C-alpha atoms as a PDB file:
ATOM      1  CA  MET A   1       0.000   0.000   0.000  1.00  0.00           C
ATOM      2  CA  ILE A   2       2.808   2.423   0.946  1.00  0.00           C
ATOM      3  CA  ARG A   3       6.251   2.155  -0.626  1.00  0.00           C
ATOM      4  CA  LEU A   4       9.267   4.349   0.058  1.00  0.00           C
ATOM      5  CA  SER A   5      12.210   3.801  -2.274  1.00  0.00           C
ATOM      6  CA  GLY A   6      15.549   5.439  -1.471  1.00  0.00           C
ATOM      7  CA  VAL A   7      13.827   8.339   0.286  1.00  0.00           C
ATOM      8  CA  SER A   8      16.035  11.108   1.707  1.00  0.00           C
ATOM      9  CA  ARG A   9      15.116  14.577   2.922  1.00  0.00           C
ATOM     10  CA  THR A  10      17.463  17.500   3.574  1.00  0.00           C
ATOM     11  CA  PHE A  11      16.352  20.862   4.978  1.00  0.00           C
ATOM     12  CA  THR A  12      18.311  23.913   3.899  1.00  0.00           C
ATOM     13  CA  GLY A  13      18.227  27.175   5.829  1.00  0.00           C
ATOM     14  CA  ARG A  14      20.326  30.229   6.607  1.00  0.00           C
ATOM     15  CA  SER A  15      22.532  28.311   9.013  1.00  0.00           C
ATOM     16  CA  GLY A  16      23.228  25.503   6.536  1.00  0.00           C
ATOM     17  CA  SER A  17      21.599  22.187   5.663  1.00  0.00           C
ATOM     18  CA  VAL A  18      20.326  19.394   7.907  1.00  0.00           C
ATOM     19  CA  GLU A  19      19.895  15.862   6.597  1.00  0.00           C
ATOM     20  CA  ALA A  20      16.769  14.560   8.337  1.00  0.00           C
ATOM     21  CA  LEU A  21      16.339  11.199   6.551  1.00  0.00           C
ATOM     22  CA  ARG A  22      18.696   9.132   4.400  1.00  0.00           C
ATOM     23  CA  GLY A  23      17.994   6.220   2.077  1.00  0.00           C
ATOM     24  CA  ILE A  24      14.704   4.958   3.522  1.00  0.00           C
ATOM     25  CA  ASP A  25      13.418   1.788   1.831  1.00  0.00           C
ATOM     26  CA  LEU A  26      10.146   0.592   3.360  1.00  0.00           C
ATOM     27  CA  HIS A  27       7.019  -1.238   2.246  1.00  0.00           C
ATOM     28  CA  VAL A  28       3.848  -1.139   4.348  1.00  0.00           C
ATOM     29  CA  GLY A  29       1.275  -3.726   3.303  1.00  0.00           C
ATOM     30  CA  ASP A  30      -2.448  -3.120   2.828  1.00  0.00           C
ATOM     31  CA  GLY A  31      -4.155  -3.101   6.234  1.00  0.00           C
ATOM     32  CA  GLU A  32      -0.843  -3.316   8.116  1.00  0.00           C
ATOM     33  CA  PHE A  33      -0.143  -1.334  11.292  1.00  0.00           C
ATOM     34  CA  VAL A  34       3.469  -0.118  11.379  1.00  0.00           C
ATOM     35  CA  ALA A  35       4.918   1.903  14.261  1.00  0.00           C
ATOM     36  CA  VAL A  36       7.992   4.109  13.872  1.00  0.00           C
ATOM     37  CA  VAL A  37      10.246   4.732  16.880  1.00  0.00           C
ATOM     38  CA  GLY A  38      13.536   6.534  17.380  1.00  0.00           C
ATOM     39  CA  ARG A  39      15.236   9.253  19.376  1.00  0.00           C
ATOM     40  CA  SER A  40      14.040  12.860  19.186  1.00  0.00           C
ATOM     41  CA  GLY A  41      15.134  14.546  15.965  1.00  0.00           C
ATOM     42  CA  CYS A  42      15.616  11.324  13.982  1.00  0.00           C
ATOM     43  CA  GLY A  43      13.078  12.298  11.308  1.00  0.00           C
ATOM     44  CA  LYS A  44       9.970  10.368  12.398  1.00  0.00           C
ATOM     45  CA  SER A  45       7.554  13.260  11.836  1.00  0.00           C
ATOM     46  CA  THR A  46       9.318  14.207   8.593  1.00  0.00           C
ATOM     47  CA  LEU A  47       8.722  10.639   7.362  1.00  0.00           C
ATOM     48  CA  LEU A  48       4.968  10.986   7.997  1.00  0.00           C
ATOM     49  CA  ARG A  49       4.773  14.372   6.289  1.00  0.00           C
ATOM     50  CA  LEU A  50       6.510  12.954   3.231  1.00  0.00           C
ATOM     51  CA  VAL A  51       4.036  10.066   3.001  1.00  0.00           C
ATOM     52  CA  ALA A  52       1.152  12.527   3.489  1.00  0.00           C
ATOM     53  CA  GLY A  53       2.392  14.613   0.558  1.00  0.00           C
ATOM     54  CA  LEU A  54       2.830  17.694   2.788  1.00  0.00           C
ATOM     55  CA  MET A  55       6.460  17.911   1.626  1.00  0.00           C
ATOM     56  CA  GLN A  56       8.537  16.267  -1.083  1.00  0.00           C
ATOM     57  CA  PRO A  57      11.619  14.047  -0.667  1.00  0.00           C
ATOM     58  CA  THR A  58      14.989  15.454  -1.696  1.00  0.00           C
ATOM     59  CA  LYS A  59      15.750  12.050  -3.221  1.00  0.00           C
ATOM     60  CA  GLY A  60      13.737   8.910  -3.846  1.00  0.00           C
ATOM     61  CA  GLU A  61      10.081   8.157  -4.485  1.00  0.00           C
ATOM     62  CA  ILE A  62       6.963   7.484  -2.392  1.00  0.00           C
ATOM     63  CA  THR A  63       3.898   5.693  -3.737  1.00  0.00           C
ATOM     64  CA  VAL A  64       0.532   4.925  -2.116  1.00  0.00           C
ATOM     65  CA  ALA A  65      -1.641   2.289  -3.798  1.00  0.00           C
ATOM     66  CA  GLY A  66       0.756   2.387  -6.753  1.00  0.00           C
ATOM     67  CA  GLU A  67       0.411   6.149  -7.335  1.00  0.00           C
ATOM     68  CA  ARG A  68       3.283   8.530  -6.730  1.00  0.00           C
ATOM     69  CA  VAL A  69       2.638  10.946  -3.857  1.00  0.00           C
ATOM     70  CA  THR A  70       3.085  14.532  -5.048  1.00  0.00           C
ATOM     71  CA  LYS A  71       0.534  16.380  -2.876  1.00  0.00           C
ATOM     72  CA  ALA A  72      -1.982  15.824  -0.063  1.00  0.00           C
ATOM     73  CA  ARG A  73      -4.591  13.186  -0.926  1.00  0.00           C
ATOM     74  CA  ARG A  74      -8.164  12.573   0.204  1.00  0.00           C
ATOM     75  CA  ASP A  75      -7.540   8.888   0.898  1.00  0.00           C
ATOM     76  CA  ILE A  76      -4.767   9.719   3.408  1.00  0.00           C
ATOM     77  CA  ALA A  77      -5.783  11.034   6.842  1.00  0.00           C
ATOM     78  CA  MET A  78      -3.349  12.513   9.363  1.00  0.00           C
ATOM     79  CA  LEU A  79      -3.762  12.671  13.131  1.00  0.00           C
ATOM     80  CA  PHE A  80      -1.485  14.969  15.137  1.00  0.00           C
ATOM     81  CA  GLN A  81      -0.381  15.243  18.781  1.00  0.00           C
ATOM     82  CA  ARG A  82      -3.034  17.840  19.548  1.00  0.00           C
ATOM     83  CA  PRO A  83      -6.681  17.317  18.571  1.00  0.00           C
ATOM     84  CA  ALA A  84      -6.911  20.751  16.798  1.00  0.00           C
ATOM     85  CA  LEU A  85     -10.701  20.856  17.091  1.00  0.00           C
ATOM     86  CA  LEU A  86     -12.553  24.045  16.148  1.00  0.00           C
ATOM     87  CA  PRO A  87     -13.690  25.408  19.550  1.00  0.00           C
ATOM     88  CA  TRP A  88     -16.926  26.978  18.250  1.00  0.00           C
ATOM     89  CA  ARG A  89     -18.138  23.795  16.558  1.00  0.00           C
ATOM     90  CA  SER A  90     -19.946  20.932  18.263  1.00  0.00           C
ATOM     91  CA  VAL A  91     -18.403  17.466  18.475  1.00  0.00           C
ATOM     92  CA  LEU A  92     -20.571  16.259  15.591  1.00  0.00           C
ATOM     93  CA  ASP A  93     -19.728  19.261  13.405  1.00  0.00           C
ATOM     94  CA  ASN A  94     -16.004  18.819  14.112  1.00  0.00           C
ATOM     95  CA  VAL A  95     -16.236  15.206  12.933  1.00  0.00           C
ATOM     96  CA  LEU A  96     -18.087  16.345   9.793  1.00  0.00           C
ATOM     97  CA  LEU A  97     -15.526  19.057   8.923  1.00  0.00           C
ATOM     98  CA  PRO A  98     -13.728  17.002   6.186  1.00  0.00           C
ATOM     99  CA  THR A  99     -17.031  16.512   4.352  1.00  0.00           C
ATOM    100  CA  GLU A 100     -17.349  20.308   4.032  1.00  0.00           C
ATOM    101  CA  ILE A 101     -13.723  20.705   2.944  1.00  0.00           C
ATOM    102  CA  PHE A 102     -14.177  18.083   0.223  1.00  0.00           C
ATOM    103  CA  GLY A 103     -17.651  19.330  -0.737  1.00  0.00           C
ATOM    104  CA  TRP A 104     -19.432  16.072   0.136  1.00  0.00           C
ATOM    105  CA  PRO A 105     -23.133  16.110   1.078  1.00  0.00           C
ATOM    106  CA  LYS A 106     -23.155  16.393   4.872  1.00  0.00           C
ATOM    107  CA  SER A 107     -26.511  14.588   5.169  1.00  0.00           C
ATOM    108  CA  LYS A 108     -24.997  11.388   3.754  1.00  0.00           C
ATOM    109  CA  HIS A 109     -22.188  11.394   6.307  1.00  0.00           C
ATOM    110  CA  ARG A 110     -24.106  12.497   9.412  1.00  0.00           C
ATOM    111  CA  GLN A 111     -25.160   8.931  10.276  1.00  0.00           C
ATOM    112  CA  ARG A 112     -21.594   7.695   9.702  1.00  0.00           C
ATOM    113  CA  ALA A 113     -20.322  10.407  12.083  1.00  0.00           C
ATOM    114  CA  ARG A 114     -22.782   9.311  14.772  1.00  0.00           C
ATOM    115  CA  GLN A 115     -21.722   5.672  14.340  1.00  0.00           C
ATOM    116  CA  LEU A 116     -18.047   6.615  14.720  1.00  0.00           C
ATOM    117  CA  LEU A 117     -18.747   8.614  17.888  1.00  0.00           C
ATOM    118  CA  GLU A 118     -20.687   5.665  19.282  1.00  0.00           C
ATOM    119  CA  MET A 119     -17.809   3.338  18.376  1.00  0.00           C
ATOM    120  CA  VAL A 120     -15.358   5.373  20.488  1.00  0.00           C
ATOM    121  CA  GLY A 121     -17.777   5.748  23.405  1.00  0.00           C
ATOM    122  CA  LEU A 122     -18.915   9.324  22.706  1.00  0.00           C
ATOM    123  CA  ASP A 123     -22.590   8.786  21.901  1.00  0.00           C
ATOM    124  CA  GLY A 124     -24.569  11.437  23.735  1.00  0.00           C
ATOM    125  CA  PHE A 125     -21.759  14.004  23.346  1.00  0.00           C
ATOM    126  CA  GLU A 126     -22.617  15.051  19.767  1.00  0.00           C
ATOM    127  CA  GLU A 127     -23.721  18.593  20.683  1.00  0.00           C
ATOM    128  CA  ARG A 128     -20.995  19.314  23.252  1.00  0.00           C
ATOM    129  CA  LEU A 129     -18.255  21.846  22.525  1.00  0.00           C
ATOM    130  CA  PRO A 130     -14.566  20.804  22.678  1.00  0.00           C
ATOM    131  CA  HIS A 131     -13.880  22.717  25.931  1.00  0.00           C
ATOM    132  CA  GLU A 132     -16.504  20.548  27.655  1.00  0.00           C
ATOM    133  CA  LEU A 133     -14.469  17.387  26.936  1.00  0.00           C
ATOM    134  CA  SER A 134     -11.359  15.917  28.540  1.00  0.00           C
ATOM    135  CA  GLY A 135      -8.133  15.685  26.517  1.00  0.00           C
ATOM    136  CA  GLY A 136      -8.724  12.000  25.859  1.00  0.00           C
ATOM    137  CA  MET A 137     -12.265  12.634  24.658  1.00  0.00           C
ATOM    138  CA  GLN A 138     -11.071  15.420  22.363  1.00  0.00           C
ATOM    139  CA  GLN A 139      -8.527  13.071  20.800  1.00  0.00           C
ATOM    140  CA  ARG A 140     -11.314  10.509  20.244  1.00  0.00           C
ATOM    141  CA  VAL A 141     -13.250  13.204  18.350  1.00  0.00           C
ATOM    142  CA  SER A 142     -10.135  13.901  16.296  1.00  0.00           C
ATOM    143  CA  LEU A 143      -9.833  10.159  15.542  1.00  0.00           C
ATOM    144  CA  CYS A 144     -13.471  10.079  14.364  1.00  0.00           C
ATOM    145  CA  ARG A 145     -12.833  13.126  12.153  1.00  0.00           C
ATOM    146  CA  SER A 146      -9.909  11.327  10.497  1.00  0.00           C
ATOM    147  CA  LEU A 147     -12.085   8.218   9.935  1.00  0.00           C
ATOM    148  CA  ILE A 148     -15.130  10.008   8.450  1.00  0.00           C
ATOM    149  CA  SER A 149     -13.640   9.941   4.940  1.00  0.00           C
ATOM    150  CA  GLU A 150     -12.920   6.183   5.282  1.00  0.00           C
ATOM    151  CA  PRO A 151      -9.232   6.704   4.463  1.00  0.00           C
ATOM    152  CA  ARG A 152      -7.153   3.884   3.020  1.00  0.00           C
ATOM    153  CA  VAL A 153      -4.125   5.218   4.905  1.00  0.00           C
ATOM    154  CA  MET A 154      -3.937   6.793   8.371  1.00  0.00           C
ATOM    155  CA  LEU A 155      -0.788   8.613   9.491  1.00  0.00           C
ATOM    156  CA  MET A 156      -0.521   9.281  13.234  1.00  0.00           C
ATOM    157  CA  ASP A 157       2.102  11.576  14.738  1.00  0.00           C
ATOM    158  CA  GLU A 158       2.275  10.769  18.472  1.00  0.00           C
ATOM    159  CA  PRO A 159      -1.483  11.273  18.836  1.00  0.00           C
ATOM    160  CA  PHE A 160      -1.596  10.208  22.508  1.00  0.00           C
ATOM    161  CA  SER A 161       1.603  11.836  23.811  1.00  0.00           C
ATOM    162  CA  ALA A 162      -0.141  14.740  25.572  1.00  0.00           C
ATOM    163  CA  LEU A 163      -2.372  12.398  27.592  1.00  0.00           C
ATOM    164  CA  ASP A 164      -1.868  10.761  30.975  1.00  0.00           C
ATOM    165  CA  ALA A 165      -0.640   7.155  31.072  1.00  0.00           C
ATOM    166  CA  LEU A 166      -4.008   5.505  31.759  1.00  0.00           C
ATOM    167  CA  THR A 167      -5.825   7.506  29.069  1.00  0.00           C
ATOM    168  CA  ARG A 168      -3.022   6.663  26.613  1.00  0.00           C
ATOM    169  CA  GLU A 169      -3.411   2.956  27.257  1.00  0.00           C
ATOM    170  CA  GLU A 170      -7.204   3.214  27.045  1.00  0.00           C
ATOM    171  CA  LEU A 171      -6.997   4.979  23.669  1.00  0.00           C
ATOM    172  CA  SER A 172      -4.367   2.512  22.430  1.00  0.00           C
ATOM    173  CA  VAL A 173      -6.802  -0.333  23.143  1.00  0.00           C
ATOM    174  CA  GLU A 174      -9.537   1.682  21.390  1.00  0.00           C
ATOM    175  CA  LEU A 175      -7.312   2.250  18.344  1.00  0.00           C
ATOM    176  CA  GLN A 176      -6.575  -1.489  18.132  1.00  0.00           C
ATOM    177  CA  ARG A 177     -10.303  -2.157  17.994  1.00  0.00           C
ATOM    178  CA  VAL A 178     -10.906   0.560  15.375  1.00  0.00           C
ATOM    179  CA  HIS A 179      -8.075  -0.823  13.239  1.00  0.00           C
ATOM    180  CA  MET A 180      -9.398  -4.384  13.477  1.00  0.00           C
ATOM    181  CA  GLU A 181     -12.841  -3.130  12.376  1.00  0.00           C
ATOM    182  CA  ASN A 182     -11.928  -0.775   9.521  1.00  0.00           C
ATOM    183  CA  SER A 183      -8.580  -2.327   8.428  1.00  0.00           C
ATOM    184  CA  ALA A 184      -6.972   0.916   7.243  1.00  0.00           C
ATOM    185  CA  THR A 185      -3.222   0.927   6.664  1.00  0.00           C
ATOM    186  CA  ILE A 186      -1.670   2.790   9.606  1.00  0.00           C
ATOM    187  CA  VAL A 187       1.766   4.340  10.154  1.00  0.00           C
ATOM    188  CA  PHE A 188       2.069   5.443  13.784  1.00  0.00           C
ATOM    189  CA  VAL A 189       4.942   7.546  15.150  1.00  0.00           C
ATOM    190  CA  THR A 190       5.539   7.223  18.889  1.00  0.00           C
ATOM    191  CA  HIS A 191       8.187   7.715  21.569  1.00  0.00           C
ATOM    192  CA  SER A 192       6.563   4.971  23.638  1.00  0.00           C
ATOM    193  CA  ILE A 193       7.954   1.451  23.227  1.00  0.00           C
ATOM    194  CA  ASP A 194       4.938   0.024  25.083  1.00  0.00           C
ATOM    195  CA  GLU A 195       2.560   1.802  22.692  1.00  0.00           C
ATOM    196  CA  ALA A 196       4.454   0.449  19.671  1.00  0.00           C
ATOM    197  CA  VAL A 197       4.313  -3.145  20.952  1.00  0.00           C
ATOM    198  CA  LEU A 198       0.664  -2.825  21.925  1.00  0.00           C
ATOM    199  CA  LEU A 199      -0.424  -1.598  18.489  1.00  0.00           C
ATOM    200  CA  ALA A 200       1.913  -2.593  15.673  1.00  0.00           C
ATOM    201  CA  ASP A 201       2.435  -5.563  13.365  1.00  0.00           C
ATOM    202  CA  ARG A 202       5.995  -4.300  12.803  1.00  0.00           C
ATOM    203  CA  VAL A 203       8.082  -1.611  14.474  1.00  0.00           C
ATOM    204  CA  VAL A 204      10.555   0.402  12.393  1.00  0.00           C
ATOM    205  CA  VAL A 205      13.519   1.578  14.493  1.00  0.00           C
ATOM    206  CA  LEU A 206      15.212   4.694  13.103  1.00  0.00           C
ATOM    207  CA  SER A 207      18.823   5.627  13.858  1.00  0.00           C
ATOM    208  CA  PRO A 208      19.712   9.086  15.218  1.00  0.00           C
ATOM    209  CA  ARG A 209      19.816  11.832  12.581  1.00  0.00           C
ATOM    210  CA  PRO A 210      20.058  11.382   9.703  1.00  0.00           C
ATOM    211  CA  GLY A 211      17.256   8.894  10.236  1.00  0.00           C
ATOM    212  CA  GLN A 212      17.936   5.522   8.624  1.00  0.00           C
ATOM    213  CA  ILE A 213      16.243   2.190   9.220  1.00  0.00           C
ATOM    214  CA  ARG A 214      18.338   0.470  11.864  1.00  0.00           C
ATOM    215  CA  GLN A 215      16.056  -2.531  12.199  1.00  0.00           C
ATOM    216  CA  ILE A 216      12.463  -3.668  11.705  1.00  0.00           C
ATOM    217  CA  VAL A 217      11.046  -5.755  14.562  1.00  0.00           C
ATOM    218  CA  GLU A 218       8.119  -8.118  13.928  1.00  0.00           C
ATOM    219  CA  ILE A 219       5.475  -8.093  16.686  1.00  0.00           C
ATOM    220  CA  ASP A 220       3.915 -11.526  16.259  1.00  0.00           C
ATOM    221  CA  ILE A 221       1.487 -11.364  19.193  1.00  0.00           C
ATOM    222  CA  PRO A 222      -2.241 -12.188  18.866  1.00  0.00           C
ATOM    223  CA  ARG A 223      -4.718  -9.304  19.168  1.00  0.00           C
ATOM    224  CA  PRO A 224      -6.264  -7.723  21.085  1.00  0.00           C
ATOM    225  CA  ARG A 225      -3.196  -6.964  23.225  1.00  0.00           C
ATOM    226  CA  SER A 226      -2.847  -5.254  26.573  1.00  0.00           C
ATOM    227  CA  LEU A 227       0.014  -4.258  28.868  1.00  0.00           C
ATOM    228  CA  GLY A 228      -1.631  -5.855  31.900  1.00  0.00           C
ATOM    229  CA  ARG A 229      -1.528  -9.481  32.992  1.00  0.00           C
ATOM    230  CA  ASN A 230      -2.595 -11.722  30.150  1.00  0.00           C
ATOM    231  CA  ALA A 231      -1.600 -14.841  28.256  1.00  0.00           C
ATOM    232  CA  HIS A 232       0.870 -12.908  26.093  1.00  0.00           C
ATOM    233  CA  ALA A 233       2.571 -10.832  28.816  1.00  0.00           C
ATOM    234  CA  GLU A 234       5.933 -12.580  28.301  1.00  0.00           C
ATOM    235  CA  GLU A 235       5.938 -11.927  24.544  1.00  0.00           C
ATOM    236  CA  VAL A 236       4.995  -8.261  25.081  1.00  0.00           C
ATOM    237  CA  ALA A 237       7.842  -7.896  27.611  1.00  0.00           C
ATOM    238  CA  ARG A 238      10.341  -9.606  25.266  1.00  0.00           C
ATOM    239  CA  CYS A 239       9.467  -7.344  22.310  1.00  0.00           C
ATOM    240  CA  SER A 240       9.609  -4.245  24.537  1.00  0.00           C
ATOM    241  CA  ALA A 241      13.051  -5.259  25.828  1.00  0.00           C
ATOM    242  CA  GLU A 242      14.369  -5.848  22.280  1.00  0.00           C
ATOM    243  CA  LEU A 243      13.182  -2.410  21.143  1.00  0.00           C
ATOM    244  CA  HIS A 244      14.588  -0.754  24.264  1.00  0.00           C
ATOM    245  CA  GLU A 245      18.021  -2.273  23.603  1.00  0.00           C
ATOM    246  CA  LEU A 246      17.938  -1.144  19.947  1.00  0.00           C
ATOM    247  CA  LEU A 247      17.103   2.420  20.948  1.00  0.00           C
ATOM    248  CA  MET A 248      19.782   2.480  23.665  1.00  0.00           C
ATOM    249  CA  GLU A 249      22.541   1.278  21.314  1.00  0.00           C
ATOM    250  CA  ARG A 250      25.000   3.952  20.289  1.00  0.00           C
ATOM    251  CA  GLU A 251      26.499   2.142  17.333  1.00  0.00           C
ATOM    252  CA  ALA A 252      27.650   3.900  14.169  1.00  0.00           C
ATOM    253  CA  PRO A 253      24.814   4.754  11.759  1.00  0.00           C
ATOM    254  CA  VAL A 254      23.860   2.047   9.281  1.00  0.00           C
ATOM    255  CA  PRO A 255      25.044   2.454   5.668  1.00  0.00           C
ATOM    256  CA  ALA A 256      22.844   4.471   3.312  1.00  0.00           C
ATOM    257  CA  GLY A 257      19.899   2.474   1.958  1.00  0.00           C
ATOM    258  CA  GLY A 258      20.213  -0.344   4.496  1.00  0.00           C
ATOM    259  CA  GLY A 259      17.624  -2.161   6.557  1.00  0.00           C
ATOM    260  CA  GLY A 260      14.446  -1.833   4.487  1.00  0.00           C
ATOM    261  CA  HIS A 261      11.740  -4.447   3.966  1.00  0.00           C
END
């Protein structure tokens, strides 16, 4: 579904140039959930923006569903750290915002919006304003807004990082369920190893800047998963430990173009 071939990105400014990503080769299958982890400044968010078409690679090519990405697309939704809800609009109208942007008939999507809100436990909150909701509830509204267009690809840039630990885990479980139901292809950037193991089919570990693929770790654990006591607790702990060790390593950067799947 998503293919990055030899993707590099360099930013040039008054103080010189900064190489954010170098030689990224990655294939994300249809319906797959891939998490991206790495130290701060390794290019994780840049990677998402490139896939979203919000910026172009300096080198290499990105395709989604076989088409080259050259600009933002309707079938790609992006979810950011902050919910970015419009404060004067109700919960329901915030969810319906993409339908107005794309010029779709709102009446056709109103029932879909209500179903999404019910799915994330927000039925009965349709007419509330964002300031009447907790941070976790606001991020659920933002998730519904990104799902209203039934995107083929969802890009998530640390969407739960501003939340407390329990709300993060609760929303991670919720996102697992949403993914299992709508089977979108998801690329999820996170600083949390636990979050990556809880959610992903594979975890891409990026090296410090310039970001290169150091390793890709398969998370072969049955779903749904949780961080509490369960039948798969040992496997969750083993995967978390492997990722922790990879992120703690201070080895020399991998050669350009290495490590892709």
